[in-house]
Amino acid sequence: MTDKYTKDTKLEEVLRSKAASAVISKYRIPCLNCPMAIYEAGKLTLGQIAGNYGIDLKSMLRELNNN
């Protein structure tokens, strides 16, 4: 089985799923509330977001892919 979400997945794709959005919100990613998020969601990857905010990418991806 291939994981649906990877470090290269765009935030925009994750936010299309209610279950994935719930996982993402648990990580308190500041850019979700940023007014520019609507414009950047198609550019920002999960890897970039994790790196920028010190989020454990492996844990987040594991959780996203288990939903």
Protein backbone atom coordinates (compact mmCIF):
# COMPACT_ATOMS: atom_id res chain seq x y z
CA MET A 1 0.00 0.00 0.00
CA THR A 2 1.32 3.41 -0.95
CA ASP A 3 0.83 6.29 1.45
CA LYS A 4 -1.54 8.91 0.16
CA TYR A 5 0.19 11.75 1.96
CA THR A 6 3.94 12.39 1.71
CA LYS A 7 6.34 15.20 2.53
CA ASP A 8 5.65 16.54 -0.97
CA THR A 9 1.85 16.66 -0.58
CA LYS A 10 0.48 20.18 -0.89
CA LEU A 11 -1.51 21.59 2.03
CA GLU A 12 -4.37 22.27 -0.37
CA GLU A 13 -4.79 18.53 -1.01
CA VAL A 14 -4.86 17.72 2.70
CA LEU A 15 -7.48 20.35 3.42
CA ARG A 16 -9.90 18.75 0.93
CA SER A 17 -10.50 15.90 3.37
CA LYS A 18 -12.35 16.52 6.64
CA ALA A 19 -10.51 13.67 8.36
CA ALA A 20 -7.10 14.91 7.19
CA SER A 21 -7.98 18.49 8.13
CA ALA A 22 -8.80 17.30 11.65
CA VAL A 23 -5.38 15.64 11.90
CA ILE A 24 -3.63 18.75 10.62
CA SER A 25 -5.46 21.01 13.08
CA LYS A 26 -4.19 18.89 15.99
CA TYR A 27 -0.67 20.00 15.08
CA ARG A 28 -1.64 23.67 15.52
CA ILE A 29 -0.12 24.80 12.27
CA PRO A 30 -0.21 28.61 12.32
CA CYS A 31 -0.58 28.95 8.56
CA LEU A 32 -4.07 27.43 8.72
CA ASN A 33 -5.32 30.66 10.28
CA CYS A 34 -3.19 32.99 8.20
CA PRO A 35 -5.10 35.21 5.77
CA MET A 36 -2.59 34.28 3.06
CA ALA A 37 -3.19 30.53 3.57
CA ILE A 38 -5.77 30.37 0.79
CA TYR A 39 -3.11 31.58 -1.66
CA GLU A 40 -0.21 29.53 -0.29
CA ALA A 41 -2.03 26.22 0.28
CA GLY A 42 -1.36 25.20 -3.32
CA LYS A 43 2.36 25.83 -2.90
CA LEU A 44 3.23 24.75 0.64
CA THR A 45 4.11 21.08 1.15
CA LEU A 46 3.71 19.11 4.34
CA GLY A 47 7.49 18.80 4.49
CA GLN A 48 7.96 22.57 4.29
CA ILE A 49 5.33 23.21 6.93
CA ALA A 50 6.80 20.61 9.30
CA GLY A 51 10.27 22.09 8.85
CA ASN A 52 9.09 25.66 9.34
CA TYR A 53 7.13 24.94 12.52
CA GLY A 54 9.18 22.15 14.10
CA ILE A 55 6.49 19.50 13.60
CA ASP A 56 7.38 15.80 13.67
CA LEU A 57 6.74 15.03 10.00
CA LYS A 58 6.88 11.24 10.39
CA SER A 59 4.22 11.27 13.10
CA MET A 60 1.99 13.63 11.17
CA LEU A 61 2.24 11.55 7.98
CA ARG A 62 1.60 8.33 9.89
CA GLU A 63 -1.52 9.83 11.41
CA LEU A 64 -2.72 11.28 8.10
CA ASN A 65 -2.24 7.99 6.28
CA ASN A 66 -4.03 5.99 8.96
CA ASN A 67 -7.30 7.95 8.47
